């Protein structure tokens, strides 16, 4: 039997003065990086390749990824 799933809390913000928040360029490919904080006191680092070399596309893909996480957060497993 699997242990109960700990709810995930998202604390995300993209400051207006830093539109590349949560983004970094690794040898020409943009990645998104953030931390999920679980209700059991643990955290999980998440890094996802955005599979683009274009910063504008990277921002759009980051926003899409984070929007999906916001809607799925109660059902995600750590």
PDB file of N, CA and C in Angstrom:
ATOM      1  N   UNK A   1       0.842  -1.183   0.000  1.00  0.00           N
ATOM      2  CA  UNK A   1       0.000   0.000   0.000  1.00  0.00           C
ATOM      3  C   UNK A   1       0.886   1.245   0.000  1.00  0.00           C
ATOM      4  N   UNK A   2       0.556   2.184  -0.880  1.00  0.00           N
ATOM      5  CA  UNK A   2       1.349   3.407  -0.980  1.00  0.00           C
ATOM      6  C   UNK A   2       1.045   4.347   0.189  1.00  0.00           C
ATOM      7  N   UNK A   3       2.062   5.090   0.654  1.00  0.00           N
ATOM      8  CA  UNK A   3       1.804   6.093   1.699  1.00  0.00           C
ATOM      9  C   UNK A   3       0.960   7.223   1.132  1.00  0.00           C
ATOM     10  N   UNK A   4       0.256   7.968   2.007  1.00  0.00           N
ATOM     11  CA  UNK A   4      -0.552   9.085   1.513  1.00  0.00           C
ATOM     12  C   UNK A   4       0.308  10.126   0.801  1.00  0.00           C
ATOM     13  N   UNK A   5      -0.265  10.763  -0.169  1.00  0.00           N
ATOM     14  CA  UNK A   5       0.427  11.787  -0.945  1.00  0.00           C
ATOM     15  C   UNK A   5       0.386  13.105  -0.184  1.00  0.00           C
ATOM     16  N   UNK A   6       1.554  13.711  -0.021  1.00  0.00           N
ATOM     17  CA  UNK A   6       1.628  15.012   0.645  1.00  0.00           C
ATOM     18  C   UNK A   6       1.243  16.098  -0.349  1.00  0.00           C
ATOM     19  N   UNK A   7       0.305  16.978   0.019  1.00  0.00           N
ATOM     20  CA  UNK A   7      -0.042  18.072  -0.884  1.00  0.00           C
ATOM     21  C   UNK A   7       1.171  18.945  -1.171  1.00  0.00           C
ATOM     22  N   UNK A   8       1.175  19.521  -2.350  1.00  0.00           N
ATOM     23  CA  UNK A   8       2.279  20.367  -2.781  1.00  0.00           C
ATOM     24  C   UNK A   8       1.846  21.818  -2.735  1.00  0.00           C
ATOM     25  N   UNK A   9       2.700  22.654  -2.211  1.00  0.00           N
ATOM     26  CA  UNK A   9       2.422  24.085  -2.158  1.00  0.00           C
ATOM     27  C   UNK A   9       3.324  24.788  -3.155  1.00  0.00           C
ATOM     28  N   UNK A  10       2.716  25.556  -4.038  1.00  0.00           N
ATOM     29  CA  UNK A  10       3.495  26.336  -4.999  1.00  0.00           C
ATOM     30  C   UNK A  10       3.602  27.766  -4.510  1.00  0.00           C
ATOM     31  N   UNK A  11       4.793  28.275  -4.522  1.00  0.00           N
ATOM     32  CA  UNK A  11       5.029  29.670  -4.175  1.00  0.00           C
ATOM     33  C   UNK A  11       5.846  30.257  -5.313  1.00  0.00           C
ATOM     34  N   UNK A  12       5.147  30.674  -6.345  1.00  0.00           N
ATOM     35  CA  UNK A  12       5.811  31.126  -7.562  1.00  0.00           C
ATOM     36  C   UNK A  12       5.508  32.588  -7.824  1.00  0.00           C
ATOM     37  N   UNK A  13       6.508  33.260  -8.276  1.00  0.00           N
ATOM     38  CA  UNK A  13       6.327  34.653  -8.679  1.00  0.00           C
ATOM     39  C   UNK A  13       7.386  34.983  -9.723  1.00  0.00           C
ATOM     40  N   UNK A  14       7.014  35.844 -10.625  1.00  0.00           N
ATOM     41  CA  UNK A  14       7.941  36.311 -11.642  1.00  0.00           C
ATOM     42  C   UNK A  14       8.019  37.826 -11.507  1.00  0.00           C
ATOM     43  N   UNK A  15       9.055  38.337 -10.882  1.00  0.00           N
ATOM     44  CA  UNK A  15       9.172  39.781 -10.685  1.00  0.00           C
ATOM     45  C   UNK A  15       9.228  40.524 -12.018  1.00  0.00           C
ATOM     46  N   UNK A  16       8.578  41.675 -12.070  1.00  0.00           N
ATOM     47  CA  UNK A  16       8.549  42.475 -13.297  1.00  0.00           C
ATOM     48  C   UNK A  16       9.955  42.900 -13.726  1.00  0.00           C
ATOM     49  N   UNK A  17      10.848  43.105 -12.750  1.00  0.00           N
ATOM     50  CA  UNK A  17      12.200  43.545 -13.087  1.00  0.00           C
ATOM     51  C   UNK A  17      13.111  42.382 -13.495  1.00  0.00           C
ATOM     52  N   UNK A  18      12.607  41.146 -13.442  1.00  0.00           N
ATOM     53  CA  UNK A  18      13.397  39.984 -13.860  1.00  0.00           C
ATOM     54  C   UNK A  18      12.491  39.001 -14.601  1.00  0.00           C
ATOM     55  N   UNK A  19      12.237  39.233 -15.881  1.00  0.00           N
ATOM     56  CA  UNK A  19      11.344  38.349 -16.626  1.00  0.00           C
ATOM     57  C   UNK A  19      11.906  36.936 -16.817  1.00  0.00           C
ATOM     58  N   UNK A  20      13.187  36.736 -16.514  1.00  0.00           N
ATOM     59  CA  UNK A  20      13.793  35.418 -16.668  1.00  0.00           C
ATOM     60  C   UNK A  20      13.877  34.651 -15.345  1.00  0.00           C
ATOM     61  N   UNK A  21      13.096  35.065 -14.362  1.00  0.00           N
ATOM     62  CA  UNK A  21      13.074  34.373 -13.081  1.00  0.00           C
ATOM     63  C   UNK A  21      12.689  32.907 -13.310  1.00  0.00           C
ATOM     64  N   UNK A  22      13.355  31.990 -12.659  1.00  0.00           N
ATOM     65  CA  UNK A  22      13.190  30.543 -12.799  1.00  0.00           C
ATOM     66  C   UNK A  22      13.818  30.005 -14.080  1.00  0.00           C
ATOM     67  N   UNK A  23      14.509  30.834 -14.849  1.00  0.00           N
ATOM     68  CA  UNK A  23      15.113  30.383 -16.098  1.00  0.00           C
ATOM     69  C   UNK A  23      16.630  30.470 -16.031  1.00  0.00           C
ATOM     70  N   UNK A  24      17.294  29.562 -16.709  1.00  0.00           N
ATOM     71  CA  UNK A  24      18.723  29.716 -16.942  1.00  0.00           C
ATOM     72  C   UNK A  24      19.089  29.073 -18.265  1.00  0.00           C
ATOM     73  N   UNK A  25      20.145  29.617 -18.862  1.00  0.00           N
ATOM     74  CA  UNK A  25      20.609  29.153 -20.155  1.00  0.00           C
ATOM     75  C   UNK A  25      21.819  28.262 -19.921  1.00  0.00           C
ATOM     76  N   UNK A  26      21.683  27.005 -20.317  1.00  0.00           N
ATOM     77  CA  UNK A  26      22.751  26.040 -20.141  1.00  0.00           C
ATOM     78  C   UNK A  26      23.292  25.652 -21.512  1.00  0.00           C
ATOM     79  N   UNK A  27      24.392  26.263 -21.911  1.00  0.00           N
ATOM     80  CA  UNK A  27      25.041  25.985 -23.196  1.00  0.00           C
ATOM     81  C   UNK A  27      24.083  26.133 -24.370  1.00  0.00           C
ATOM     82  N   UNK A  28      23.256  27.197 -24.335  1.00  0.00           N
ATOM     83  CA  UNK A  28      22.383  27.494 -25.458  1.00  0.00           C
ATOM     84  C   UNK A  28      20.957  26.982 -25.339  1.00  0.00           C
ATOM     85  N   UNK A  29      20.668  26.151 -24.340  1.00  0.00           N
ATOM     86  CA  UNK A  29      19.309  25.641 -24.136  1.00  0.00           C
ATOM     87  C   UNK A  29      18.761  26.212 -22.833  1.00  0.00           C
ATOM     88  N   UNK A  30      17.548  26.751 -22.892  1.00  0.00           N
ATOM     89  CA  UNK A  30      16.917  27.331 -21.710  1.00  0.00           C
ATOM     90  C   UNK A  30      16.259  26.248 -20.866  1.00  0.00           C
ATOM     91  N   UNK A  31      16.421  26.372 -19.543  1.00  0.00           N
ATOM     92  CA  UNK A  31      15.861  25.457 -18.562  1.00  0.00           C
ATOM     93  C   UNK A  31      15.033  26.233 -17.547  1.00  0.00           C
ATOM     94  N   UNK A  32      14.070  25.550 -16.951  1.00  0.00           N
ATOM     95  CA  UNK A  32      13.269  26.118 -15.864  1.00  0.00           C
ATOM     96  C   UNK A  32      13.647  25.380 -14.580  1.00  0.00           C
ATOM     97  N   UNK A  33      13.818  26.119 -13.506  1.00  0.00           N
ATOM     98  CA  UNK A  33      14.208  25.543 -12.225  1.00  0.00           C
ATOM     99  C   UNK A  33      13.358  26.158 -11.127  1.00  0.00           C
ATOM    100  N   UNK A  34      12.780  25.309 -10.279  1.00  0.00           N
ATOM    101  CA  UNK A  34      12.000  25.800  -9.146  1.00  0.00           C
ATOM    102  C   UNK A  34      11.982  24.721  -8.072  1.00  0.00           C
ATOM    103  N   UNK A  35      11.461  25.064  -6.903  1.00  0.00           N
ATOM    104  CA  UNK A  35      11.397  24.143  -5.781  1.00  0.00           C
ATOM    105  C   UNK A  35       9.954  23.968  -5.347  1.00  0.00           C
ATOM    106  N   UNK A  36       9.545  22.721  -5.173  1.00  0.00           N
ATOM    107  CA  UNK A  36       8.224  22.411  -4.628  1.00  0.00           C
ATOM    108  C   UNK A  36       8.392  22.158  -3.141  1.00  0.00           C
ATOM    109  N   UNK A  37       7.543  22.780  -2.329  1.00  0.00           N
ATOM    110  CA  UNK A  37       7.577  22.581  -0.884  1.00  0.00           C
ATOM    111  C   UNK A  37       6.391  21.702  -0.502  1.00  0.00           C
ATOM    112  N   UNK A  38       6.692  20.561   0.106  1.00  0.00           N
ATOM    113  CA  UNK A  38       5.663  19.606   0.471  1.00  0.00           C
ATOM    114  C   UNK A  38       5.174  19.864   1.894  1.00  0.00           C
ATOM    115  N   UNK A  39       3.944  19.454   2.161  1.00  0.00           N
ATOM    116  CA  UNK A  39       3.356  19.718   3.476  1.00  0.00           C
ATOM    117  C   UNK A  39       4.034  18.936   4.591  1.00  0.00           C
ATOM    118  N   UNK A  40       4.791  17.892   4.244  1.00  0.00           N
ATOM    119  CA  UNK A  40       5.481  17.119   5.281  1.00  0.00           C
ATOM    120  C   UNK A  40       6.835  17.737   5.660  1.00  0.00           C
ATOM    121  N   UNK A  41       7.097  18.953   5.171  1.00  0.00           N
ATOM    122  CA  UNK A  41       8.311  19.663   5.544  1.00  0.00           C
ATOM    123  C   UNK A  41       9.491  19.430   4.621  1.00  0.00           C
ATOM    124  N   UNK A  42       9.319  18.604   3.624  1.00  0.00           N
ATOM    125  CA  UNK A  42      10.403  18.364   2.681  1.00  0.00           C
ATOM    126  C   UNK A  42      10.204  19.215   1.431  1.00  0.00           C
ATOM    127  N   UNK A  43      11.207  19.233   0.597  1.00  0.00           N
ATOM    128  CA  UNK A  43      11.103  19.980  -0.650  1.00  0.00           C
ATOM    129  C   UNK A  43      11.711  19.152  -1.775  1.00  0.00           C
ATOM    130  N   UNK A  44      11.364  19.539  -2.980  1.00  0.00           N
ATOM    131  CA  UNK A  44      11.805  18.802  -4.159  1.00  0.00           C
ATOM    132  C   UNK A  44      12.217  19.808  -5.222  1.00  0.00           C
ATOM    133  N   UNK A  45      13.469  19.753  -5.648  1.00  0.00           N
ATOM    134  CA  UNK A  45      13.919  20.629  -6.725  1.00  0.00           C
ATOM    135  C   UNK A  45      13.491  20.056  -8.063  1.00  0.00           C
ATOM    136  N   UNK A  46      13.008  20.933  -8.915  1.00  0.00           N
ATOM    137  CA  UNK A  46      12.552  20.511 -10.235  1.00  0.00           C
ATOM    138  C   UNK A  46      13.320  21.303 -11.275  1.00  0.00           C
ATOM    139  N   UNK A  47      13.883  20.597 -12.230  1.00  0.00           N
ATOM    140  CA  UNK A  47      14.572  21.226 -13.361  1.00  0.00           C
ATOM    141  C   UNK A  47      14.028  20.595 -14.625  1.00  0.00           C
ATOM    142  N   UNK A  48      13.569  21.440 -15.545  1.00  0.00           N
ATOM    143  CA  UNK A  48      13.011  20.952 -16.803  1.00  0.00           C
ATOM    144  C   UNK A  48      13.621  21.714 -17.967  1.00  0.00           C
ATOM    145  N   UNK A  49      14.050  20.980 -18.979  1.00  0.00           N
ATOM    146  CA  UNK A  49      14.531  21.623 -20.193  1.00  0.00           C
ATOM    147  C   UNK A  49      13.335  22.199 -20.933  1.00  0.00           C
ATOM    148  N   UNK A  50      13.475  23.414 -21.409  1.00  0.00           N
ATOM    149  CA  UNK A  50      12.410  24.036 -22.196  1.00  0.00           C
ATOM    150  C   UNK A  50      12.635  23.825 -23.687  1.00  0.00           C
ATOM    151  N   UNK A  51      13.726  23.166 -24.029  1.00  0.00           N
ATOM    152  CA  UNK A  51      14.031  22.730 -25.398  1.00  0.00           C
ATOM    153  C   UNK A  51      13.966  23.857 -26.427  1.00  0.00           C
ATOM    154  N   UNK A  52      14.536  24.975 -26.044  1.00  0.00           N
ATOM    155  CA  UNK A  52      14.609  26.094 -26.976  1.00  0.00           C
ATOM    156  C   UNK A  52      15.850  26.918 -26.685  1.00  0.00           C
ATOM    157  N   UNK A  53      16.316  27.616 -27.722  1.00  0.00           N
ATOM    158  CA  UNK A  53      17.426  28.539 -27.537  1.00  0.00           C
ATOM    159  C   UNK A  53      16.944  29.986 -27.558  1.00  0.00           C
ATOM    160  N   UNK A  54      15.627  30.168 -27.666  1.00  0.00           N
ATOM    161  CA  UNK A  54      15.026  31.495 -27.747  1.00  0.00           C
ATOM    162  C   UNK A  54      14.475  31.915 -26.378  1.00  0.00           C
ATOM    163  N   UNK A  55      14.956  33.030 -25.815  1.00  0.00           N
ATOM    164  CA  UNK A  55      14.480  33.440 -24.489  1.00  0.00           C
ATOM    165  C   UNK A  55      12.980  33.753 -24.461  1.00  0.00           C
ATOM    166  N   UNK A  56      12.428  34.267 -25.544  1.00  0.00           N
ATOM    167  CA  UNK A  56      10.988  34.565 -25.574  1.00  0.00           C
ATOM    168  C   UNK A  56      10.173  33.275 -25.509  1.00  0.00           C
ATOM    169  N   UNK A  57      10.574  32.275 -26.284  1.00  0.00           N
ATOM    170  CA  UNK A  57       9.902  30.973 -26.228  1.00  0.00           C
ATOM    171  C   UNK A  57      10.083  30.336 -24.849  1.00  0.00           C
ATOM    172  N   UNK A  58      11.256  30.495 -24.272  1.00  0.00           N
ATOM    173  CA  UNK A  58      11.523  29.924 -22.950  1.00  0.00           C
ATOM    174  C   UNK A  58      10.582  30.516 -21.905  1.00  0.00           C
ATOM    175  N   UNK A  59      10.359  31.833 -21.950  1.00  0.00           N
ATOM    176  CA  UNK A  59       9.441  32.460 -20.996  1.00  0.00           C
ATOM    177  C   UNK A  59       8.023  31.926 -21.177  1.00  0.00           C
ATOM    178  N   UNK A  60       7.603  31.781 -22.431  1.00  0.00           N
ATOM    179  CA  UNK A  60       6.262  31.263 -22.713  1.00  0.00           C
ATOM    180  C   UNK A  60       6.129  29.827 -22.207  1.00  0.00           C
ATOM    181  N   UNK A  61       7.129  29.011 -22.470  1.00  0.00           N
ATOM    182  CA  UNK A  61       7.086  27.610 -22.027  1.00  0.00           C
ATOM    183  C   UNK A  61       7.155  27.500 -20.515  1.00  0.00           C
ATOM    184  N   UNK A  62       7.960  28.360 -19.877  1.00  0.00           N
ATOM    185  CA  UNK A  62       8.012  28.389 -18.407  1.00  0.00           C
ATOM    186  C   UNK A  62       6.643  28.722 -17.845  1.00  0.00           C
ATOM    187  N   UNK A  63       6.013  29.754 -18.397  1.00  0.00           N
ATOM    188  CA  UNK A  63       4.696  30.170 -17.908  1.00  0.00           C
ATOM    189  C   UNK A  63       3.670  29.055 -18.078  1.00  0.00           C
ATOM    190  N   UNK A  64       3.735  28.356 -19.195  1.00  0.00           N
ATOM    191  CA  UNK A  64       2.822  27.241 -19.440  1.00  0.00           C
ATOM    192  C   UNK A  64       3.061  26.113 -18.435  1.00  0.00           C
ATOM    193  N   UNK A  65       4.328  25.785 -18.203  1.00  0.00           N
ATOM    194  CA  UNK A  65       4.673  24.742 -17.241  1.00  0.00           C
ATOM    195  C   UNK A  65       4.171  25.102 -15.843  1.00  0.00           C
ATOM    196  N   UNK A  66       4.414  26.313 -15.422  1.00  0.00           N
ATOM    197  CA  UNK A  66       3.996  26.726 -14.080  1.00  0.00           C
ATOM    198  C   UNK A  66       2.483  26.812 -13.963  1.00  0.00           C
ATOM    199  N   UNK A  67       1.806  27.210 -15.021  1.00  0.00           N
ATOM    200  CA  UNK A  67       0.336  27.228 -15.005  1.00  0.00           C
ATOM    201  C   UNK A  67      -0.218  25.812 -14.852  1.00  0.00           C
ATOM    202  N   UNK A  68       0.384  24.853 -15.564  1.00  0.00           N
ATOM    203  CA  UNK A  68      -0.053  23.455 -15.424  1.00  0.00           C
ATOM    204  C   UNK A  68       0.167  22.968 -14.002  1.00  0.00           C
ATOM    205  N   UNK A  69       1.286  23.336 -13.401  1.00  0.00           N
ATOM    206  CA  UNK A  69       1.552  22.929 -12.020  1.00  0.00           C
ATOM    207  C   UNK A  69       0.532  23.528 -11.059  1.00  0.00           C
ATOM    208  N   UNK A  70       0.153  24.779 -11.295  1.00  0.00           N
ATOM    209  CA  UNK A  70      -0.845  25.417 -10.420  1.00  0.00           C
ATOM    210  C   UNK A  70      -2.163  24.665 -10.437  1.00  0.00           C
ATOM    211  N   UNK A  71      -2.563  24.173 -11.604  1.00  0.00           N
ATOM    212  CA  UNK A  71      -3.848  23.477 -11.693  1.00  0.00           C
ATOM    213  C   UNK A  71      -3.753  22.030 -11.234  1.00  0.00           C
ATOM    214  N   UNK A  72      -2.562  21.423 -11.284  1.00  0.00           N
ATOM    215  CA  UNK A  72      -2.401  20.025 -10.927  1.00  0.00           C
ATOM    216  C   UNK A  72      -1.816  19.821  -9.534  1.00  0.00           C
ATOM    217  N   UNK A  73      -1.427  20.861  -8.854  1.00  0.00           N
ATOM    218  CA  UNK A  73      -0.692  20.746  -7.592  1.00  0.00           C
ATOM    219  C   UNK A  73      -1.334  19.776  -6.587  1.00  0.00           C
ATOM    220  N   UNK A  74      -2.641  19.781  -6.376  1.00  0.00           N
ATOM    221  CA  UNK A  74      -3.190  18.865  -5.369  1.00  0.00           C
ATOM    222  C   UNK A  74      -3.052  17.390  -5.749  1.00  0.00           C
ATOM    223  N   UNK A  75      -2.837  17.067  -7.025  1.00  0.00           N
ATOM    224  CA  UNK A  75      -2.799  15.667  -7.440  1.00  0.00           C
ATOM    225  C   UNK A  75      -1.384  15.178  -7.756  1.00  0.00           C
ATOM    226  N   UNK A  76      -0.389  16.023  -7.651  1.00  0.00           N
ATOM    227  CA  UNK A  76       0.981  15.616  -7.982  1.00  0.00           C
ATOM    228  C   UNK A  76       1.572  14.762  -6.874  1.00  0.00           C
ATOM    229  N   UNK A  77       2.433  13.835  -7.272  1.00  0.00           N
ATOM    230  CA  UNK A  77       3.178  13.053  -6.289  1.00  0.00           C
ATOM    231  C   UNK A  77       4.595  13.575  -6.237  1.00  0.00           C
ATOM    232  N   UNK A  78       5.208  13.562  -5.074  1.00  0.00           N
ATOM    233  CA  UNK A  78       6.589  14.066  -4.962  1.00  0.00           C
ATOM    234  C   UNK A  78       7.577  13.201  -5.702  1.00  0.00           C
TER     235      UNK A  78
END
